[in-house]
Amino acid sequence: MSKKDDLINRILERAQEIDGKKKLACAEAFKLSEELGAGRAEIGRICNQHDIRICKCQLGCFQ
């Protein structure tokens, strides 16, 4: 499994389905970025590609 596939799987695992939509808290996105050495922009792109909304954004990094 490639690093990108691992990152995608980890994001999908941590995303929660709320009101029929997948969501990932900003704090979780930051943690994944640090844990896996991925950039926040890359995490944002993957979330966009998989229809996962970043919620509870602390700094406006994810729009």
N, C-alpha and C. Protein backbone atom coordinates (compact mmCIF):
# COMPACT_ATOMS: atom_id res chain seq x y z
N MET A 1 0.85 -1.17 0.00
CA MET A 1 0.00 0.00 0.00
C MET A 1 0.90 1.24 0.00
N SER A 2 0.58 2.20 -0.84
CA SER A 2 1.38 3.42 -0.92
C SER A 2 1.07 4.35 0.25
N LYS A 3 1.93 5.33 0.43
CA LYS A 3 1.74 6.30 1.50
C LYS A 3 0.44 7.07 1.30
N LYS A 4 0.13 7.41 0.03
CA LYS A 4 -1.10 8.15 -0.25
C LYS A 4 -2.32 7.29 0.06
N ASP A 5 -2.28 6.00 -0.31
CA ASP A 5 -3.40 5.10 0.00
C ASP A 5 -3.60 4.99 1.50
N ASP A 6 -2.50 4.91 2.25
CA ASP A 6 -2.58 4.85 3.70
C ASP A 6 -3.21 6.12 4.26
N LEU A 7 -2.81 7.26 3.72
CA LEU A 7 -3.36 8.54 4.16
C LEU A 7 -4.86 8.59 3.88
N ILE A 8 -5.27 8.19 2.69
CA ILE A 8 -6.69 8.18 2.33
C ILE A 8 -7.47 7.28 3.29
N ASN A 9 -6.95 6.09 3.54
CA ASN A 9 -7.64 5.16 4.44
C ASN A 9 -7.76 5.72 5.85
N ARG A 10 -6.71 6.36 6.33
CA ARG A 10 -6.75 6.93 7.68
C ARG A 10 -7.77 8.06 7.78
N ILE A 11 -7.83 8.88 6.73
CA ILE A 11 -8.82 9.97 6.71
C ILE A 11 -10.23 9.39 6.71
N LEU A 12 -10.46 8.40 5.86
CA LEU A 12 -11.78 7.78 5.79
C LEU A 12 -12.17 7.12 7.11
N GLU A 13 -11.20 6.53 7.80
CA GLU A 13 -11.47 5.91 9.10
C GLU A 13 -11.87 6.93 10.15
N ARG A 14 -11.24 8.09 10.12
CA ARG A 14 -11.48 9.10 11.15
C ARG A 14 -12.68 10.00 10.85
N ALA A 15 -13.09 10.04 9.59
CA ALA A 15 -14.26 10.86 9.24
C ALA A 15 -15.51 10.23 9.84
N GLN A 16 -16.38 11.06 10.34
CA GLN A 16 -17.62 10.58 10.93
C GLN A 16 -18.78 10.97 10.03
N GLU A 17 -19.77 10.09 9.96
CA GLU A 17 -20.96 10.43 9.19
C GLU A 17 -21.96 11.09 10.13
N ILE A 18 -22.29 12.34 9.82
CA ILE A 18 -23.22 13.12 10.62
C ILE A 18 -24.27 13.69 9.67
N ASP A 19 -25.52 13.41 9.96
CA ASP A 19 -26.62 13.88 9.12
C ASP A 19 -26.44 13.46 7.66
N GLY A 20 -25.93 12.25 7.45
CA GLY A 20 -25.77 11.73 6.09
C GLY A 20 -24.58 12.28 5.33
N LYS A 21 -23.72 13.05 6.01
CA LYS A 21 -22.53 13.63 5.36
C LYS A 21 -21.29 13.24 6.14
N LYS A 22 -20.20 12.98 5.42
CA LYS A 22 -18.93 12.65 6.08
C LYS A 22 -18.25 13.95 6.51
N LYS A 23 -17.78 13.96 7.75
CA LYS A 23 -17.13 15.15 8.30
C LYS A 23 -15.88 14.74 9.07
N LEU A 24 -14.90 15.63 9.04
CA LEU A 24 -13.66 15.43 9.79
C LEU A 24 -13.37 16.74 10.52
N ALA A 25 -13.20 16.65 11.82
CA ALA A 25 -12.89 17.85 12.60
C ALA A 25 -11.51 18.38 12.22
N CYS A 26 -11.39 19.66 12.22
CA CYS A 26 -10.13 20.32 11.89
C CYS A 26 -8.99 19.78 12.76
N ALA A 27 -9.24 19.62 14.05
CA ALA A 27 -8.20 19.12 14.96
C ALA A 27 -7.72 17.73 14.53
N GLU A 28 -8.65 16.88 14.04
CA GLU A 28 -8.27 15.55 13.55
C GLU A 28 -7.43 15.67 12.29
N ALA A 29 -7.77 16.60 11.41
CA ALA A 29 -6.99 16.81 10.19
C ALA A 29 -5.57 17.23 10.53
N PHE A 30 -5.42 18.12 11.53
CA PHE A 30 -4.10 18.55 11.98
C PHE A 30 -3.31 17.37 12.55
N LYS A 31 -3.98 16.52 13.35
CA LYS A 31 -3.31 15.35 13.94
C LYS A 31 -2.82 14.41 12.84
N LEU A 32 -3.69 14.15 11.86
CA LEU A 32 -3.29 13.27 10.75
C LEU A 32 -2.10 13.85 10.01
N SER A 33 -2.11 15.14 9.81
CA SER A 33 -1.00 15.81 9.13
C SER A 33 0.31 15.55 9.85
N GLU A 34 0.29 15.69 11.16
CA GLU A 34 1.50 15.48 11.96
C GLU A 34 1.89 14.01 12.03
N GLU A 35 0.91 13.14 12.27
CA GLU A 35 1.18 11.71 12.41
C GLU A 35 1.77 11.10 11.14
N LEU A 36 1.26 11.52 10.00
CA LEU A 36 1.65 10.89 8.75
C LEU A 36 2.61 11.72 7.91
N GLY A 37 2.98 12.89 8.40
CA GLY A 37 3.92 13.73 7.66
C GLY A 37 3.35 14.25 6.35
N ALA A 38 2.04 14.46 6.33
CA ALA A 38 1.39 14.97 5.13
C ALA A 38 1.07 16.45 5.34
N GLY A 39 1.08 17.19 4.26
CA GLY A 39 0.72 18.60 4.35
C GLY A 39 -0.77 18.78 4.57
N ARG A 40 -1.13 19.87 5.21
CA ARG A 40 -2.54 20.14 5.45
C ARG A 40 -3.30 20.33 4.15
N ALA A 41 -2.65 20.92 3.16
CA ALA A 41 -3.30 21.10 1.85
C ALA A 41 -3.61 19.75 1.21
N GLU A 42 -2.71 18.79 1.37
CA GLU A 42 -2.94 17.45 0.81
C GLU A 42 -4.13 16.79 1.50
N ILE A 43 -4.23 16.95 2.80
CA ILE A 43 -5.37 16.39 3.53
C ILE A 43 -6.65 17.06 3.05
N GLY A 44 -6.63 18.36 2.85
CA GLY A 44 -7.79 19.08 2.35
C GLY A 44 -8.21 18.60 0.97
N ARG A 45 -7.23 18.37 0.09
CA ARG A 45 -7.54 17.87 -1.27
C ARG A 45 -8.19 16.49 -1.21
N ILE A 46 -7.64 15.62 -0.38
CA ILE A 46 -8.20 14.27 -0.26
C ILE A 46 -9.62 14.34 0.28
N CYS A 47 -9.85 15.18 1.27
CA CYS A 47 -11.20 15.33 1.81
C CYS A 47 -12.15 15.83 0.73
N ASN A 48 -11.73 16.80 -0.06
CA ASN A 48 -12.56 17.30 -1.15
C ASN A 48 -12.87 16.19 -2.15
N GLN A 49 -11.89 15.39 -2.50
CA GLN A 49 -12.07 14.32 -3.48
C GLN A 49 -13.04 13.25 -2.98
N HIS A 50 -13.13 13.09 -1.67
CA HIS A 50 -13.97 12.04 -1.09
C HIS A 50 -15.21 12.61 -0.40
N ASP A 51 -15.56 13.85 -0.74
CA ASP A 51 -16.76 14.50 -0.20
C ASP A 51 -16.80 14.50 1.33
N ILE A 52 -15.66 14.77 1.93
CA ILE A 52 -15.58 14.88 3.39
C ILE A 52 -15.42 16.37 3.72
N ARG A 53 -16.32 16.88 4.55
CA ARG A 53 -16.26 18.28 4.95
C ARG A 53 -15.39 18.42 6.20
N ILE A 54 -14.54 19.43 6.20
CA ILE A 54 -13.77 19.76 7.40
C ILE A 54 -14.69 20.64 8.26
N CYS A 55 -14.89 20.24 9.50
CA CYS A 55 -15.76 21.02 10.38
C CYS A 55 -14.98 21.49 11.60
N LYS A 56 -15.57 22.41 12.31
CA LYS A 56 -14.95 22.98 13.51
C LYS A 56 -13.56 23.51 13.22
N CYS A 57 -13.42 24.22 12.09
CA CYS A 57 -12.11 24.72 11.68
C CYS A 57 -11.67 25.83 12.62
N GLN A 58 -10.46 25.69 13.10
CA GLN A 58 -9.94 26.60 14.12
C GLN A 58 -9.29 27.85 13.53
N LEU A 59 -8.63 27.72 12.39
CA LEU A 59 -7.83 28.82 11.87
C LEU A 59 -8.21 29.25 10.46
N GLY A 60 -9.21 28.63 9.89
CA GLY A 60 -9.59 28.96 8.52
C GLY A 60 -8.69 28.33 7.48
N CYS A 61 -7.92 27.31 7.88
CA CYS A 61 -7.02 26.63 6.93
C CYS A 61 -7.79 25.82 5.90
N PHE A 62 -8.94 25.29 6.30
CA PHE A 62 -9.73 24.44 5.43
C PHE A 62 -11.01 25.19 5.08
N GLN A 63 -11.21 25.46 3.83
CA GLN A 63 -12.38 26.21 3.39
C GLN A 63 -13.24 25.34 2.51
